[in-house]
Protein backbone atom coordinates (compact mmCIF):
# COMPACT_ATOMS: atom_id res chain seq x y z
CA MET A 1 267.73 68.45 60.87
CA ASP A 2 264.08 68.86 59.97
CA PRO A 3 262.23 65.73 61.22
CA ASN A 4 259.62 66.24 58.48
CA PRO A 5 261.47 67.44 55.40
CA PRO A 6 259.33 68.53 52.46
CA SER A 7 258.59 65.90 49.83
CA PHE A 8 257.00 65.69 46.41
CA GLU A 9 253.25 65.53 47.05
CA ARG A 10 251.96 63.50 44.12
CA ASP A 11 248.36 63.13 45.29
CA ARG A 12 248.02 66.86 45.88
CA HIS A 13 249.29 67.52 42.35
CA VAL A 14 246.88 64.97 40.89
CA ARG A 15 243.98 66.80 42.58
CA PHE A 16 245.28 70.15 41.34
CA PHE A 17 245.34 69.06 37.71
CA SER A 18 242.13 67.05 37.98
CA ASP A 19 240.30 70.12 39.27
CA ALA A 20 241.67 72.13 36.35
CA LEU A 21 239.95 69.75 33.95
CA GLU A 22 236.58 70.95 35.24
CA ALA A 23 237.10 74.64 36.02
CA LEU A 24 239.78 77.31 36.17
CA PRO A 25 240.07 80.42 38.36
CA SER A 26 238.89 83.73 36.90
CA ASP A 27 242.52 84.80 36.42
CA TYR A 28 242.60 82.47 33.40
CA GLU A 29 239.87 84.36 31.55
CA GLU A 30 242.46 86.28 29.54
CA GLN A 31 243.92 82.93 28.46
CA GLU A 32 240.66 81.69 26.94
CA ILE A 33 242.14 81.89 23.45
CA ASN A 34 244.79 79.36 24.59
CA ARG A 35 242.38 76.90 26.18
CA ILE A 36 243.72 73.89 24.29
CA THR A 37 247.26 74.71 25.44
CA LEU A 38 246.08 74.75 29.04
CA ALA A 39 244.38 71.40 28.42
CA TYR A 40 247.67 70.05 27.09
CA PHE A 41 249.43 71.03 30.33
CA VAL A 42 246.73 69.30 32.37
CA VAL A 43 246.45 66.06 30.40
CA SER A 44 250.20 65.67 29.97
CA ALA A 45 250.82 66.31 33.68
CA LEU A 46 248.26 63.67 34.65
CA HIS A 47 249.92 61.29 32.21
CA ILE A 48 253.33 61.83 33.84
CA LEU A 49 251.73 61.48 37.29
CA ASP A 50 250.34 58.13 36.10
CA ALA A 51 246.80 59.41 36.63
CA LEU A 52 245.26 59.39 33.15
CA ASP A 53 242.32 57.52 34.67
CA ARG A 54 241.20 60.96 35.89
CA VAL A 55 240.70 62.00 32.24
CA ASN A 56 237.44 61.24 30.43
CA SER A 57 239.11 60.33 27.13
CA ASP A 58 235.93 60.29 25.03
CA ARG A 59 234.85 63.67 26.33
CA ILE A 60 238.29 65.20 25.79
CA ALA A 61 238.57 63.74 22.29
CA ARG A 62 235.17 65.14 21.27
CA TRP A 63 236.12 68.58 22.52
CA VAL A 64 239.54 68.59 20.85
CA LEU A 65 238.08 67.40 17.54
CA SER A 66 235.42 70.10 17.69
CA LEU A 67 238.24 72.66 17.38
CA ARG A 68 239.46 71.23 14.07
CA ARG A 69 239.34 73.36 10.94
CA SER A 70 238.88 71.08 7.93
CA PRO A 71 238.88 71.89 4.21
CA GLU A 72 235.62 71.48 2.34
CA LYS A 73 237.36 69.57 -0.45
CA LYS A 74 240.82 68.25 -1.24
CA THR A 75 241.50 70.95 -3.80
CA ASP A 76 241.40 73.45 -0.92
CA PHE A 77 244.79 72.18 0.30
CA ASP A 78 246.52 74.69 -1.94
CA ASP A 79 244.32 77.70 -1.17
CA GLY A 80 246.90 79.28 1.16
CA GLN A 81 245.05 78.30 4.34
CA PHE A 82 246.25 76.16 7.25
CA TYR A 83 243.86 73.38 8.21
CA GLY A 84 244.80 72.61 11.78
CA PHE A 85 243.16 73.20 15.17
CA HIS A 86 241.85 76.33 16.84
CA GLY A 87 243.02 77.29 20.31
CA SER A 88 239.51 77.67 21.72
CA ARG A 89 235.87 77.99 20.78
CA SER A 90 236.08 81.78 20.54
CA SER A 91 238.80 81.66 17.88
CA GLN A 92 236.50 79.70 15.60
CA PHE A 93 234.34 82.75 15.02
CA PRO A 94 235.29 85.87 13.03
CA ASN A 95 235.96 89.18 14.72
CA VAL A 96 232.93 91.46 14.31
CA ASP A 97 235.29 94.25 13.31
CA SER A 98 236.96 92.14 10.64
CA GLU A 99 235.99 92.10 6.98
CA ALA A 100 236.80 88.38 6.81
CA VAL A 101 233.54 86.45 6.84
CA ASN A 102 235.09 83.00 7.15
CA LEU A 103 238.25 83.63 9.13
CA ASN A 104 240.48 80.60 9.60
CA GLY A 105 242.13 81.01 12.99
CA SER A 106 243.69 77.56 13.28
CA HIS A 107 247.09 77.90 14.93
CA LEU A 108 250.31 75.89 14.71
CA ALA A 109 250.87 75.74 18.48
CA SER A 110 247.22 74.81 19.08
CA THR A 111 247.52 72.06 16.48
CA TYR A 112 250.61 70.70 18.22
CA CYS A 113 248.77 70.63 21.56
CA ALA A 114 245.64 69.08 20.06
CA ILE A 115 247.48 66.22 18.36
CA ALA A 116 249.60 65.59 21.46
CA ILE A 117 246.47 65.35 23.62
CA LEU A 118 244.84 62.91 21.20
CA LYS A 119 248.01 60.78 21.16
CA MET A 120 248.20 60.72 24.95
CA ILE A 121 244.63 59.50 25.38
CA GLY A 122 245.07 56.83 22.73
CA TYR A 123 242.97 58.33 19.94
CA ASP A 124 243.49 56.89 16.45
CA LEU A 125 244.95 59.77 14.44
CA SER A 126 244.22 58.05 11.14
CA SER A 127 240.65 59.35 11.41
CA ILE A 128 241.50 63.08 11.53
CA ASP A 129 242.60 63.56 7.90
CA SER A 130 246.21 64.22 8.77
CA GLU A 131 247.05 64.85 5.11
CA SER A 132 245.20 68.16 5.12
CA ILE A 133 247.18 69.23 8.20
CA SER A 134 250.61 68.33 6.88
CA VAL A 135 250.10 69.59 3.33
CA SER A 136 248.52 72.90 4.34
CA MET A 137 251.19 73.45 7.01
CA ARG A 138 253.64 74.23 4.22
CA ASN A 139 251.71 77.47 3.72
CA LEU A 140 253.11 78.63 7.07
CA GLN A 141 256.80 77.99 6.33
CA GLN A 142 258.78 81.06 5.37
CA PRO A 143 261.60 81.36 2.79
CA ASP A 144 264.21 81.32 5.59
CA GLY A 145 262.85 78.00 6.94
CA SER A 146 260.98 79.43 9.94
CA PHE A 147 257.23 79.14 10.48
CA MET A 148 254.55 81.68 11.26
CA PRO A 149 251.83 80.37 13.60
CA PHE A 150 248.75 81.06 11.48
CA ILE A 151 247.79 82.47 8.11
CA LEU A 152 247.39 86.06 9.27
CA GLY A 153 251.05 86.21 10.17
CA ALA A 154 252.50 87.18 13.59
CA GLU A 155 256.02 86.37 14.74
CA THR A 156 258.15 83.70 13.08
CA ASP A 157 260.72 82.00 15.27
CA LEU A 158 262.18 78.74 16.55
CA ARG A 159 259.16 77.89 18.70
CA PHE A 160 257.02 77.30 15.66
CA VAL A 161 259.71 75.27 13.91
CA TYR A 162 259.50 72.99 16.95
CA CYS A 163 255.70 72.82 16.70
CA ALA A 164 255.84 72.02 12.99
CA ALA A 165 258.51 69.35 13.43
CA SER A 166 256.58 67.77 16.30
CA ILE A 167 253.37 67.69 14.27
CA CYS A 168 255.17 66.01 11.36
CA TYR A 169 256.72 63.49 13.74
CA MET A 170 253.47 62.62 15.50
CA LEU A 171 251.63 62.25 12.20
CA ASN A 172 254.57 60.33 10.69
CA ASP A 173 254.35 62.61 7.68
CA TRP A 174 257.15 65.05 6.83
CA ASN A 175 255.39 66.55 3.81
CA GLY A 176 254.41 69.47 6.01
CA MET A 177 257.78 71.17 5.90
CA ASP A 178 260.98 71.66 3.98
CA LYS A 179 263.35 69.97 6.43
CA LYS A 180 266.47 71.31 4.77
CA LYS A 181 265.37 74.92 5.10
CA ALA A 182 264.16 74.37 8.66
CA THR A 183 267.48 72.79 9.61
CA GLU A 184 269.36 75.75 8.17
CA TYR A 185 267.17 78.09 10.22
CA ILE A 186 267.90 76.18 13.43
CA ILE A 187 271.63 76.36 12.77
CA GLU A 188 271.34 80.12 12.26
CA CYS A 189 269.67 80.44 15.68
CA GLN A 190 272.71 79.11 17.56
CA SER A 191 274.43 82.11 19.09
CA TYR A 192 278.11 82.87 19.61
CA ASP A 193 277.82 81.69 23.23
CA GLY A 194 276.54 78.21 22.26
CA GLY A 195 272.90 78.69 23.23
CA PHE A 196 269.93 79.20 20.94
CA GLY A 197 267.78 82.28 20.53
CA LEU A 198 264.27 82.70 19.21
CA LEU A 199 265.67 84.30 16.07
CA PRO A 200 269.08 84.33 14.37
CA GLY A 201 271.26 86.81 16.26
CA SER A 202 268.96 87.06 19.29
CA GLU A 203 269.84 86.37 22.94
CA SER A 204 270.21 82.72 23.91
CA HIS A 205 267.31 81.34 25.91
CA ALA A 206 266.92 78.01 27.69
CA LEU A 207 263.72 76.75 26.08
CA GLN A 208 264.60 77.08 22.40
CA LEU A 209 266.20 73.76 21.39
CA MET A 210 264.35 71.34 23.67
CA GLY A 211 262.86 68.48 21.69
CA LEU A 212 264.35 69.14 18.25
CA ILE A 213 267.50 67.14 18.88
CA ARG A 214 265.93 63.79 19.71
CA ASP A 215 263.56 63.12 16.82
CA ASP A 216 264.02 62.37 13.12
CA PHE A 217 264.51 66.08 12.50
CA LEU A 218 267.92 66.40 14.13
CA SER A 219 268.97 62.83 14.90
CA LYS A 220 272.12 62.18 16.92
CA PRO A 221 274.36 61.34 13.93
CA MET A 222 273.22 64.56 12.27
CA LEU A 223 273.37 66.62 15.46
CA SER A 224 277.13 66.78 15.83
CA SER A 225 277.56 67.82 12.22
CA VAL A 226 275.12 70.73 12.19
CA ILE A 227 275.33 72.38 15.62
CA ASP A 228 278.14 73.09 18.05
CA VAL A 229 277.29 70.60 20.80
CA PRO A 230 280.24 71.38 23.14
CA SER A 231 279.32 75.08 23.10
CA LEU A 232 275.68 74.22 23.74
CA LEU A 233 276.63 72.06 26.70
CA GLN A 234 278.90 74.78 28.02
CA TRP A 235 276.07 77.30 27.71
CA CYS A 236 273.74 75.01 29.67
CA VAL A 237 276.08 74.84 32.63
CA GLN A 238 278.00 78.06 31.98
CA VAL A 239 281.25 76.70 33.36
CA HIS A 240 283.69 79.54 32.84
CA PHE A 241 287.07 79.86 34.48
CA ASN A 242 286.87 77.30 37.28
CA LEU A 243 283.12 77.55 37.90
CA ALA A 244 283.15 81.33 38.06
CA TYR A 245 279.62 81.27 36.67
CA ASN A 246 276.97 78.55 36.63
CA ARG A 247 273.47 78.52 35.16
CA GLN A 248 272.45 76.63 38.31
CA ILE A 249 272.59 79.45 40.85
CA GLU A 250 272.88 79.61 44.63
CA ASP A 251 269.29 78.60 45.45
CA GLY A 252 269.68 75.42 43.40
CA GLY A 253 267.38 76.41 40.54
CA PHE A 254 268.21 77.08 36.92
CA GLN A 255 267.95 80.41 35.16
CA GLY A 256 266.85 80.71 31.55
CA ARG A 257 269.12 83.65 30.76
CA ARG A 258 272.13 85.15 32.46
CA ASN A 259 271.42 87.55 35.34
CA LYS A 260 267.84 86.30 35.69
CA PRO A 261 266.40 84.67 38.83
CA SER A 262 265.90 80.92 38.93
CA ASP A 263 262.48 79.76 37.78
CA THR A 264 260.62 76.46 38.10
CA CYS A 265 260.17 75.90 34.36
CA TYR A 266 263.90 76.10 33.61
CA ALA A 267 264.49 73.01 35.70
CA PHE A 268 262.87 71.30 32.74
CA TRP A 269 264.13 73.45 29.86
CA VAL A 270 267.78 73.36 30.92
CA GLY A 271 267.58 69.94 32.54
CA GLY A 272 265.87 68.50 29.49
CA VAL A 273 268.61 69.62 27.13
CA LEU A 274 271.27 68.24 29.50
CA SER A 275 269.37 64.95 29.63
CA ILE A 276 269.17 64.75 25.84
CA LEU A 277 272.90 65.50 25.59
CA GLY A 278 273.66 62.74 28.11
CA ALA A 279 274.95 65.23 30.68
CA TYR A 280 272.18 65.22 33.30
CA ASP A 281 274.56 64.14 36.08
CA ILE A 282 276.91 67.12 35.89
CA PHE A 283 274.90 69.42 38.16
CA ASP A 284 273.68 69.29 41.77
CA LYS A 285 270.35 67.45 41.55
CA CYS A 286 269.77 67.58 45.32
CA SER A 287 269.94 71.37 45.27
CA LEU A 288 267.61 71.53 42.26
CA ARG A 289 265.11 69.29 44.02
CA ALA A 290 265.26 71.47 47.14
CA PHE A 291 264.59 74.59 45.04
CA LEU A 292 261.61 72.98 43.31
CA LEU A 293 260.11 71.98 46.66
CA THR A 294 260.17 75.65 47.72
CA CYS A 295 257.92 76.34 44.70
CA GLN A 296 255.54 73.47 45.48
CA THR A 297 252.34 74.93 46.94
CA LYS A 298 249.90 73.73 49.56
CA TYR A 299 247.18 73.77 46.90
CA GLY A 300 249.10 71.40 44.67
CA GLY A 301 250.99 72.53 41.59
CA PHE A 302 254.05 74.75 41.42
CA SER A 303 254.62 78.48 41.30
CA LYS A 304 257.15 80.29 39.16
CA PHE A 305 259.03 81.57 42.20
CA PRO A 306 258.88 80.49 45.87
CA GLY A 307 255.94 81.88 47.83
CA GLN A 308 253.64 82.58 44.88
CA LEU A 309 250.40 80.93 43.79
CA PRO A 310 250.58 77.98 41.37
CA ASP A 311 249.81 78.25 37.67
CA LEU A 312 249.32 75.50 35.10
CA TYR A 313 252.42 76.32 33.05
CA HIS A 314 254.92 76.16 35.91
CA SER A 315 253.02 73.32 37.59
CA TYR A 316 253.35 71.19 34.47
CA TYR A 317 257.04 71.86 34.02
CA GLY A 318 257.64 71.38 37.72
CA VAL A 319 256.17 67.89 37.43
CA CYS A 320 258.32 67.28 34.33
CA ALA A 321 261.41 68.35 36.26
CA PHE A 322 260.67 65.95 39.10
CA SER A 323 260.16 63.21 36.55
CA MET A 324 263.66 63.79 35.18
CA LEU A 325 264.93 63.76 38.77
CA ARG A 326 263.54 60.19 38.89
CA GLU A 327 260.98 60.93 41.55
CA GLN A 328 259.17 57.79 42.68
CA GLU A 329 255.45 57.31 41.89
CA ILE A 330 255.60 59.20 38.60
CA GLN A 331 256.60 58.19 35.10
CA LYS A 332 259.77 59.30 33.40
CA VAL A 333 258.92 62.22 31.15
CA ILE A 334 261.18 60.94 28.34
CA ASN A 335 259.38 57.58 28.41
CA VAL A 336 255.98 59.28 28.36
CA VAL A 337 257.00 61.43 25.42
CA MET A 338 258.51 58.55 23.49
CA SER A 339 255.58 56.19 24.03
CA SER A 340 252.64 58.53 23.64
CA MET A 341 253.58 61.85 22.06
CA ARG A 342 256.67 60.84 20.09
CA LEU A 343 258.16 64.29 20.34
CA MET A 344 261.69 63.83 21.56
């Protein structure tokens, strides 16, 4: 037996995320357009690690608010634009090759991250003109109930339904979407195998439903009447013919799709759905913890696979996974979400 078994190194993770608040490695240059999403990973991780004292709330709030796109007047709400938040400073300026002089690049996912950050640091959202966000967000909803991320188009899928629903929930204003159409779209995304895909008829993937089934959008009484919960639970654990196949594979980690390797983030995406469904105790938590510790790096943070360098995305969801595993010294992710972000 190893006299010094590996353990969750909270202080090392706190340093990792605290350093990311000030500077990021050059490898993140290509992610500049998603800067606010990276900030969301950092601030939320520090919140779960009970280390929000490392965050300069006033400084963060000023920066987040500087990315807001606001209408000039109330009559602009119906001009077809979306008045949310930009993902970074660079997206606030028009492309030199574009004919659009005043391009509005505010993005649904960036708006979700911005509002969540402001909620976590205790900012009063009543001062950000939430009405212009919720009303203009309807311009992004499609006839089938899905959402596109910004006014120029791009893909429409379940991820942006989640963002829209979360924004409405955090702002306590559901005028930003047609809930009936969105609900119908979610139902259409449940596949024959019980899981959910990005689009109706697409392959089931572990991250798609997380969050939508614990807010006012799909409440528990409504849940059992609109989606096939037993099939969803079966998909999460993939118990077929006397455990012939499990989503938790031999190394203890979870896979997001069948025949894929286990990955740090799916410990949260699969584990989170199981937790929401009240079935978190049906898998081997000790083996999952052991797998996650193989992805914990000496620099702090977590890598996608064992032996790789850490990145913010997998580091954040690694911390979330340990929170659901009830690791000491950190907050429960469900409690953090309920008390500060109000997403699940």
